[in-house]
N, C-alpha and C. Protein backbone atom coordinates (compact mmCIF):
# COMPACT_ATOMS: atom_id res chain seq x y z
N MET A 1 -102.93 -22.01 -68.38
CA MET A 1 -103.04 -23.38 -68.78
C MET A 1 -104.15 -23.49 -70.33
N THR A 2 -104.12 -24.18 -71.11
CA THR A 2 -105.38 -23.89 -72.02
C THR A 2 -105.49 -25.75 -72.62
N ALA A 3 -104.35 -26.74 -71.26
CA ALA A 3 -104.71 -28.02 -71.49
C ALA A 3 -105.92 -28.35 -71.28
N GLU A 4 -106.52 -29.29 -71.93
CA GLU A 4 -107.83 -30.01 -71.35
C GLU A 4 -106.91 -31.18 -70.23
N ILE A 5 -107.91 -30.96 -69.39
CA ILE A 5 -107.98 -31.18 -67.90
C ILE A 5 -109.01 -32.33 -67.84
N ASN A 6 -108.61 -33.78 -67.96
CA ASN A 6 -109.35 -34.92 -67.91
C ASN A 6 -108.95 -35.30 -66.15
N HIS A 7 -107.77 -34.74 -65.92
CA HIS A 7 -107.18 -36.01 -64.72
C HIS A 7 -106.11 -34.61 -63.87
N PHE A 8 -106.11 -34.65 -62.65
CA PHE A 8 -105.38 -34.65 -62.02
C PHE A 8 -104.15 -34.01 -61.87
N ASP A 9 -103.31 -35.11 -62.89
CA ASP A 9 -102.17 -35.16 -63.41
C ASP A 9 -101.85 -34.85 -64.71
N ASP A 10 -103.24 -34.54 -65.40
CA ASP A 10 -102.69 -33.21 -66.46
C ASP A 10 -102.82 -31.98 -66.32
N LEU A 11 -103.16 -31.49 -65.16
CA LEU A 11 -102.76 -30.52 -64.83
C LEU A 11 -101.30 -30.61 -64.10
N LEU A 12 -100.81 -31.25 -63.59
CA LEU A 12 -99.32 -31.37 -63.24
C LEU A 12 -98.58 -30.75 -64.60
N GLU A 13 -98.78 -31.64 -65.56
CA GLU A 13 -97.73 -31.10 -66.72
C GLU A 13 -98.20 -30.59 -67.32
N ALA A 14 -99.95 -30.11 -67.47
CA ALA A 14 -99.72 -28.33 -67.98
C ALA A 14 -98.55 -27.31 -67.09
N ALA A 15 -99.09 -27.82 -65.85
CA ALA A 15 -98.34 -26.62 -65.19
C ALA A 15 -96.37 -26.39 -65.50
N ARG A 16 -95.95 -28.35 -65.05
CA ARG A 16 -95.21 -27.82 -65.72
C ARG A 16 -94.65 -27.38 -67.02
N ALA A 17 -94.92 -27.61 -68.09
CA ALA A 17 -94.89 -26.80 -69.34
C ALA A 17 -94.90 -25.15 -69.41
N GLN A 18 -95.57 -24.85 -68.86
CA GLN A 18 -95.48 -23.46 -68.49
C GLN A 18 -94.24 -22.66 -68.75
N ALA A 19 -94.39 -21.50 -69.63
CA ALA A 19 -92.97 -21.18 -69.54
C ALA A 19 -92.52 -19.93 -68.38
N GLU A 20 -93.51 -19.55 -67.19
CA GLU A 20 -93.27 -18.82 -66.36
C GLU A 20 -93.47 -20.11 -65.33
N ARG A 21 -92.17 -19.98 -63.80
CA ARG A 21 -92.86 -21.00 -63.09
C ARG A 21 -93.96 -20.97 -62.44
N GLN A 22 -94.65 -21.70 -61.64
CA GLN A 22 -95.89 -22.08 -61.46
C GLN A 22 -95.58 -22.58 -59.62
N ARG A 23 -96.44 -22.45 -59.01
CA ARG A 23 -97.04 -22.51 -57.71
C ARG A 23 -98.39 -23.04 -57.88
N LEU A 24 -98.22 -24.36 -57.64
CA LEU A 24 -100.03 -24.61 -57.17
C LEU A 24 -100.35 -24.63 -55.50
N LEU A 25 -101.79 -24.06 -55.81
CA LEU A 25 -102.25 -23.88 -54.65
C LEU A 25 -103.49 -24.87 -54.46
N LEU A 26 -103.46 -25.54 -53.27
CA LEU A 26 -104.08 -27.00 -52.95
C LEU A 26 -105.22 -26.74 -51.70
N VAL A 27 -106.45 -26.99 -51.86
CA VAL A 27 -107.22 -26.83 -50.75
C VAL A 27 -108.14 -28.36 -50.92
N PHE A 28 -107.84 -28.66 -49.43
CA PHE A 28 -108.65 -30.57 -49.35
C PHE A 28 -110.17 -29.72 -48.91
N VAL A 29 -111.16 -30.24 -48.98
CA VAL A 29 -112.03 -29.77 -48.74
C VAL A 29 -113.39 -30.84 -48.41
N GLY A 30 -114.04 -31.09 -46.88
CA GLY A 30 -115.18 -32.01 -47.10
C GLY A 30 -116.25 -31.12 -46.58
N SER A 31 -117.40 -31.69 -46.28
CA SER A 31 -118.89 -30.54 -46.66
C SER A 31 -119.19 -31.39 -44.86
N GLU A 32 -120.06 -30.15 -44.41
CA GLU A 32 -121.05 -30.25 -43.33
C GLU A 32 -122.09 -29.95 -43.70
N LEU A 33 -123.42 -29.97 -43.20
CA LEU A 33 -124.85 -29.28 -42.99
C LEU A 33 -124.76 -28.21 -42.27
N PRO A 34 -124.85 -26.77 -43.29
CA PRO A 34 -125.18 -25.64 -42.47
C PRO A 34 -125.68 -25.77 -41.35
N GLU A 35 -125.75 -25.01 -40.44
CA GLU A 35 -126.89 -24.88 -39.10
C GLU A 35 -128.14 -24.48 -39.50
N GLY A 36 -128.68 -25.26 -38.97
CA GLY A 36 -130.64 -25.05 -39.19
C GLY A 36 -130.54 -25.24 -40.09
N ALA A 37 -130.47 -26.34 -40.90
CA ALA A 37 -130.56 -27.50 -42.22
C ALA A 37 -131.81 -27.62 -42.22
N SER A 38 -132.61 -27.62 -43.01
CA SER A 38 -133.98 -28.32 -43.03
C SER A 38 -134.07 -29.66 -43.23
N ALA A 39 -134.87 -30.21 -43.38
CA ALA A 39 -135.41 -31.90 -43.34
C ALA A 39 -134.89 -32.27 -44.55
N ALA A 40 -135.14 -31.69 -45.76
CA ALA A 40 -135.07 -31.90 -47.27
C ALA A 40 -133.23 -32.12 -47.21
N GLN A 41 -132.59 -30.74 -46.79
CA GLN A 41 -131.04 -30.55 -47.00
C GLN A 41 -130.59 -31.77 -45.91
N ARG A 42 -131.31 -32.38 -44.84
CA ARG A 42 -130.46 -33.25 -43.52
C ARG A 42 -130.73 -35.06 -44.95
N ALA A 43 -131.97 -34.89 -45.54
CA ALA A 43 -131.85 -36.18 -45.98
C ALA A 43 -131.10 -36.31 -47.17
N ALA A 44 -130.76 -35.18 -48.08
CA ALA A 44 -129.81 -34.79 -49.10
C ALA A 44 -128.50 -35.38 -48.99
N PHE A 45 -128.18 -34.84 -47.64
CA PHE A 45 -126.72 -34.81 -47.41
C PHE A 45 -126.65 -36.55 -46.77
N GLU A 46 -127.39 -37.04 -46.59
CA GLU A 46 -127.29 -38.21 -45.94
C GLU A 46 -127.19 -38.93 -46.94
N ARG A 47 -127.87 -38.79 -48.54
CA ARG A 47 -127.40 -39.10 -49.66
C ARG A 47 -126.24 -39.13 -49.88
N GLY A 48 -125.44 -38.25 -49.62
CA GLY A 48 -124.19 -37.83 -49.85
C GLY A 48 -124.05 -36.44 -50.97
N GLU A 49 -125.07 -36.02 -50.76
CA GLU A 49 -125.57 -34.49 -51.71
C GLU A 49 -125.37 -33.36 -50.86
N GLY A 50 -124.89 -32.37 -51.34
CA GLY A 50 -125.18 -31.41 -51.03
C GLY A 50 -124.44 -30.95 -49.87
N GLY A 51 -124.84 -29.78 -48.53
CA GLY A 51 -123.98 -29.68 -47.41
C GLY A 51 -122.75 -28.64 -47.81
N ALA A 52 -122.35 -27.57 -46.93
CA ALA A 52 -121.46 -26.45 -47.04
C ALA A 52 -119.71 -27.27 -47.41
N LEU A 53 -119.19 -26.63 -48.29
CA LEU A 53 -117.79 -26.91 -48.38
C LEU A 53 -117.14 -26.46 -46.59
N VAL A 54 -116.12 -27.23 -46.46
CA VAL A 54 -115.40 -26.93 -44.82
C VAL A 54 -113.68 -27.31 -45.73
N PRO A 55 -113.19 -26.05 -45.33
CA PRO A 55 -111.42 -26.51 -45.85
C PRO A 55 -110.97 -27.36 -45.08
N LEU A 56 -110.27 -28.27 -45.06
CA LEU A 56 -109.41 -28.71 -44.30
C LEU A 56 -108.30 -28.49 -44.04
N LEU A 57 -108.02 -28.73 -45.68
CA LEU A 57 -106.38 -28.93 -45.48
C LEU A 57 -105.57 -27.97 -46.46
N CYS A 58 -104.78 -27.01 -46.41
CA CYS A 58 -104.01 -26.41 -47.80
C CYS A 58 -102.61 -26.63 -47.96
N VAL A 59 -102.55 -26.33 -49.06
CA VAL A 59 -100.59 -26.40 -49.38
C VAL A 59 -100.25 -25.81 -50.84
N ASP A 60 -99.54 -25.81 -50.68
CA ASP A 60 -98.52 -25.03 -51.93
C ASP A 60 -97.80 -26.06 -52.65
N LYS A 61 -97.79 -26.29 -53.63
CA LYS A 61 -96.63 -27.12 -54.39
C LYS A 61 -95.83 -26.52 -55.71
N LEU A 62 -95.06 -26.75 -56.05
CA LEU A 62 -93.91 -26.59 -57.08
C LEU A 62 -94.87 -27.67 -57.98
N PRO A 63 -94.63 -27.94 -59.14
CA PRO A 63 -95.60 -28.95 -60.19
C PRO A 63 -94.11 -29.80 -59.53
N GLU A 64 -92.88 -29.89 -59.49
CA GLU A 64 -92.05 -30.84 -59.79
C GLU A 64 -91.88 -31.37 -58.85
N GLU A 65 -92.24 -30.65 -57.37
CA GLU A 65 -92.65 -31.56 -56.29
C GLU A 65 -93.65 -32.48 -55.70
N LEU A 66 -94.16 -32.43 -56.97
CA LEU A 66 -95.56 -33.92 -57.41
C LEU A 66 -95.01 -34.71 -58.34
N VAL A 67 -94.96 -35.73 -58.11
CA VAL A 67 -94.98 -36.83 -58.69
C VAL A 67 -96.39 -36.94 -59.30
N SER A 68 -97.09 -37.06 -58.82
CA SER A 68 -98.68 -37.38 -59.36
C SER A 68 -99.58 -37.47 -58.09
N PHE A 69 -100.85 -37.38 -58.46
CA PHE A 69 -102.13 -36.77 -58.04
C PHE A 69 -102.02 -38.24 -56.43
N ASP A 70 -101.70 -39.48 -56.70
CA ASP A 70 -101.76 -40.67 -56.32
C ASP A 70 -100.47 -40.22 -55.11
N ALA A 71 -99.59 -39.74 -55.10
CA ALA A 71 -98.34 -39.18 -54.37
C ALA A 71 -98.41 -38.13 -53.54
N LEU A 72 -100.06 -37.11 -54.22
CA LEU A 72 -100.58 -35.94 -53.44
C LEU A 72 -100.95 -36.68 -52.37
N VAL A 73 -102.08 -37.65 -52.61
CA VAL A 73 -103.21 -37.85 -51.37
C VAL A 73 -102.29 -38.81 -50.35
N ARG A 74 -101.45 -39.50 -50.81
CA ARG A 74 -100.57 -39.83 -50.28
C ARG A 74 -99.82 -39.21 -49.07
N GLU A 75 -99.61 -37.99 -49.00
CA GLU A 75 -98.58 -37.08 -48.64
C GLU A 75 -100.01 -36.15 -47.77
N ALA A 76 -101.33 -35.92 -48.11
CA ALA A 76 -101.97 -35.51 -47.72
C ALA A 76 -102.76 -36.20 -46.28
N LYS A 77 -102.54 -37.74 -46.29
CA LYS A 77 -102.87 -38.29 -46.25
C LYS A 77 -102.41 -38.43 -44.10
N GLU A 78 -100.92 -38.01 -44.53
CA GLU A 78 -99.62 -37.65 -43.35
C GLU A 78 -100.56 -36.29 -42.16
N TYR A 79 -101.27 -35.44 -42.94
CA TYR A 79 -101.49 -33.85 -42.32
C TYR A 79 -103.04 -34.13 -41.94
N ALA A 80 -104.03 -35.01 -42.28
CA ALA A 80 -105.35 -35.06 -42.26
C ALA A 80 -105.28 -35.56 -40.51
N LEU A 81 -106.80 -35.19 -40.29
CA LEU A 81 -107.33 -35.43 -39.14
C LEU A 81 -108.12 -36.75 -39.38
N PRO A 82 -107.40 -37.60 -38.43
CA PRO A 82 -108.55 -38.74 -38.47
C PRO A 82 -110.27 -38.58 -38.54
N ASP A 83 -110.53 -37.82 -37.83
CA ASP A 83 -111.87 -37.56 -38.15
C ASP A 83 -112.63 -36.75 -39.17
N GLN A 84 -111.56 -36.39 -40.25
CA GLN A 84 -111.95 -35.39 -41.12
C GLN A 84 -111.50 -36.08 -42.34
N ARG A 85 -112.12 -36.59 -42.99
CA ARG A 85 -112.55 -37.31 -44.29
C ARG A 85 -112.45 -35.68 -45.68
N TRP A 86 -111.29 -36.00 -46.67
CA TRP A 86 -111.74 -34.96 -47.20
C TRP A 86 -112.32 -35.23 -49.02
N GLN A 87 -113.32 -34.65 -49.57
CA GLN A 87 -114.21 -35.06 -50.29
C GLN A 87 -113.37 -34.44 -51.71
N LEU A 88 -113.22 -33.55 -51.77
CA LEU A 88 -112.99 -32.64 -52.85
C LEU A 88 -111.29 -31.95 -53.13
N VAL A 89 -110.57 -31.71 -53.79
CA VAL A 89 -109.39 -31.14 -53.41
C VAL A 89 -109.13 -29.99 -54.58
N PHE A 90 -109.64 -28.43 -54.39
CA PHE A 90 -109.46 -27.69 -54.98
C PHE A 90 -108.25 -27.33 -55.43
N ALA A 91 -107.99 -26.89 -57.09
CA ALA A 91 -106.62 -26.22 -57.44
C ALA A 91 -106.62 -25.35 -57.79
N GLY A 92 -105.58 -24.25 -57.61
CA GLY A 92 -105.48 -23.30 -58.46
C GLY A 92 -104.06 -23.13 -58.95
N ALA A 93 -103.68 -22.06 -59.17
CA ALA A 93 -102.39 -21.96 -60.12
C ALA A 93 -101.43 -20.54 -59.66
N LEU A 94 -100.22 -20.20 -59.00
CA LEU A 94 -100.13 -18.95 -59.17
C LEU A 94 -98.81 -18.73 -59.92
N ALA A 95 -98.62 -18.30 -61.23
CA ALA A 95 -97.43 -17.80 -62.01
C ALA A 95 -96.15 -17.15 -61.20
N GLY A 96 -94.92 -16.95 -61.59
CA GLY A 96 -94.33 -16.34 -61.46
C GLY A 96 -93.89 -15.03 -62.31
N ALA A 97 -93.12 -14.84 -62.39
CA ALA A 97 -92.46 -13.51 -63.28
C ALA A 97 -90.62 -13.60 -63.33
N GLY A 98 -90.19 -13.03 -65.02
CA GLY A 98 -88.67 -12.56 -65.22
C GLY A 98 -88.05 -14.06 -64.57
N GLY A 99 -89.17 -15.70 -65.04
CA GLY A 99 -88.13 -17.00 -64.65
C GLY A 99 -88.32 -16.84 -63.27
N ARG A 100 -88.67 -16.66 -62.21
CA ARG A 100 -88.93 -16.69 -60.98
C ARG A 100 -89.77 -17.23 -60.49
N GLY A 101 -89.97 -17.76 -59.19
CA GLY A 101 -91.66 -18.59 -58.79
C GLY A 101 -92.05 -17.11 -58.12
N PRO A 102 -93.29 -17.51 -57.71
CA PRO A 102 -94.35 -16.69 -57.08
C PRO A 102 -93.45 -16.76 -55.74
N SER A 103 -92.96 -15.78 -54.70
CA SER A 103 -92.35 -15.32 -53.64
C SER A 103 -93.35 -15.87 -52.59
N ASP A 104 -92.87 -16.52 -51.60
CA ASP A 104 -93.67 -17.35 -50.27
C ASP A 104 -94.95 -16.24 -49.75
N ALA A 105 -94.63 -14.62 -49.88
CA ALA A 105 -95.54 -13.77 -49.55
C ALA A 105 -96.39 -13.97 -49.88
N ASP A 106 -96.44 -14.32 -51.73
CA ASP A 106 -97.19 -14.07 -52.96
C ASP A 106 -98.14 -15.10 -52.25
N THR A 107 -97.69 -16.01 -52.39
CA THR A 107 -98.17 -17.74 -52.42
C THR A 107 -99.19 -17.65 -51.01
N ASP A 108 -98.73 -17.28 -49.70
CA ASP A 108 -99.25 -17.25 -48.89
C ASP A 108 -100.73 -16.32 -48.77
N GLY A 109 -100.39 -15.50 -49.54
CA GLY A 109 -101.75 -14.45 -50.05
C GLY A 109 -102.73 -15.02 -50.63
N ALA A 110 -102.12 -16.12 -51.52
CA ALA A 110 -102.89 -16.28 -52.73
C ALA A 110 -103.82 -17.49 -52.03
N LEU A 111 -102.78 -18.48 -51.13
CA LEU A 111 -103.68 -18.98 -50.58
C LEU A 111 -104.93 -19.28 -49.67
N SER A 112 -104.43 -18.13 -48.81
CA SER A 112 -105.39 -17.32 -48.00
C SER A 112 -106.79 -17.28 -48.36
N ARG A 113 -106.23 -16.66 -49.85
CA ARG A 113 -107.45 -16.08 -50.52
C ARG A 113 -108.38 -16.99 -50.92
N MET A 114 -108.01 -18.33 -51.55
CA MET A 114 -108.34 -19.54 -52.04
C MET A 114 -109.41 -20.00 -50.94
N VAL A 115 -108.59 -20.28 -49.44
CA VAL A 115 -110.07 -20.62 -48.89
C VAL A 115 -110.55 -19.58 -48.57
N GLU A 116 -110.71 -18.47 -48.41
CA GLU A 116 -111.86 -17.64 -47.94
C GLU A 116 -112.89 -17.64 -49.09
N ALA A 117 -112.26 -17.59 -50.32
CA ALA A 117 -113.33 -17.81 -51.90
C ALA A 117 -113.88 -19.33 -51.73
N ILE A 118 -113.43 -20.16 -51.58
CA ILE A 118 -114.35 -21.16 -51.19
C ILE A 118 -115.29 -21.48 -49.85
N LYS A 119 -115.02 -20.45 -48.73
CA LYS A 119 -115.88 -20.96 -47.44
C LYS A 119 -117.01 -19.77 -48.27
N SER A 120 -116.97 -18.94 -48.98
CA SER A 120 -117.80 -17.96 -49.24
C SER A 120 -118.61 -18.54 -50.33
N GLY A 121 -117.95 -19.46 -50.75
CA GLY A 121 -118.33 -20.71 -52.59
C GLY A 121 -118.25 -19.54 -53.53
N ALA A 122 -117.24 -19.10 -53.74
CA ALA A 122 -116.56 -18.34 -54.99
C ALA A 122 -115.83 -19.37 -55.62
N LEU A 123 -116.27 -20.45 -56.23
CA LEU A 123 -115.54 -21.34 -56.74
C LEU A 123 -115.11 -21.04 -58.14
N GLY A 124 -115.65 -20.06 -58.88
CA GLY A 124 -115.21 -20.24 -60.17
C GLY A 124 -113.57 -20.01 -60.79
N SER A 125 -113.26 -19.48 -59.75
CA SER A 125 -111.80 -19.91 -60.38
C SER A 125 -110.77 -20.86 -60.32
N TYR A 126 -111.49 -22.06 -59.50
CA TYR A 126 -110.40 -23.17 -59.02
C TYR A 126 -111.62 -24.30 -59.64
N LEU A 127 -110.25 -25.59 -60.06
CA LEU A 127 -110.36 -26.46 -60.39
C LEU A 127 -110.64 -27.77 -58.96
N PRO A 128 -112.18 -28.06 -59.63
CA PRO A 128 -112.22 -29.21 -58.24
C PRO A 128 -112.30 -30.98 -58.39
N PHE A 129 -111.11 -31.17 -57.87
CA PHE A 129 -110.97 -32.77 -58.79
C PHE A 129 -111.63 -33.84 -56.84
N ASP A 130 -111.93 -34.89 -57.41
CA ASP A 130 -112.56 -35.83 -56.60
C ASP A 130 -111.20 -36.62 -56.25
N ARG A 131 -111.72 -37.36 -55.32
CA ARG A 131 -110.67 -38.58 -54.37
C ARG A 131 -109.64 -39.42 -55.40
N ALA A 132 -110.29 -39.44 -57.01
CA ALA A 132 -109.74 -40.07 -57.83
C ALA A 132 -108.66 -39.25 -58.24
N GLY A 133 -109.03 -38.14 -58.46
CA GLY A 133 -107.90 -36.99 -59.30
C GLY A 133 -108.73 -36.83 -60.54
N ARG A 134 -110.50 -37.56 -60.64
CA ARG A 134 -111.59 -36.61 -61.73
C ARG A 134 -111.40 -35.34 -61.59
N PRO A 135 -112.17 -34.40 -62.06
CA PRO A 135 -112.05 -33.20 -62.25
C PRO A 135 -114.01 -33.11 -62.06
N VAL A 136 -114.12 -32.31 -61.65
CA VAL A 136 -115.62 -32.37 -60.48
C VAL A 136 -116.88 -31.13 -61.44
N GLN A 137 -117.70 -30.80 -61.85
CA GLN A 137 -118.27 -29.99 -61.97
C GLN A 137 -119.82 -29.96 -61.04
N LEU A 138 -119.73 -29.19 -60.18
CA LEU A 138 -120.20 -28.73 -58.69
C LEU A 138 -121.64 -27.72 -59.51
N GLY A 139 -122.61 -28.30 -58.82
CA GLY A 139 -123.37 -27.36 -59.05
C GLY A 139 -124.51 -27.90 -60.06
N ARG A 140 -124.26 -28.85 -60.35
CA ARG A 140 -124.83 -29.99 -61.68
C ARG A 140 -125.44 -30.67 -61.30
N ALA A 141 -126.83 -31.00 -61.94
CA ALA A 141 -128.07 -32.40 -61.35
C ALA A 141 -127.22 -33.41 -62.04
């Protein structure tokens, strides 16, 4: 996908335009203070900065199953626990081959690897979006 992504809906449009069928991998995350956080880390966290990313909910979707980011958010509300408010959603894509979409097994494996990568901080392969569907650059002041 080489299209410019200024909103999650641009990602949907780009995924729908691909020659091979795509499956979007989506992980909703919150943040929490790591164990043994310093006073400075606690203060930053209170200001809404820092913390460790915690996957709360993951799902895979065909691009044609999603109308828009707003529809995704409404659907996520149905499955999220009331005390777990997500802050970002990470998106990745898995392409099929030969006109077929990725298999369920391939999708499940890729989604599991994505969750583990997020837990370990290996975020470079995924696009993070905020609660309004705007892309986020992490680690930049």
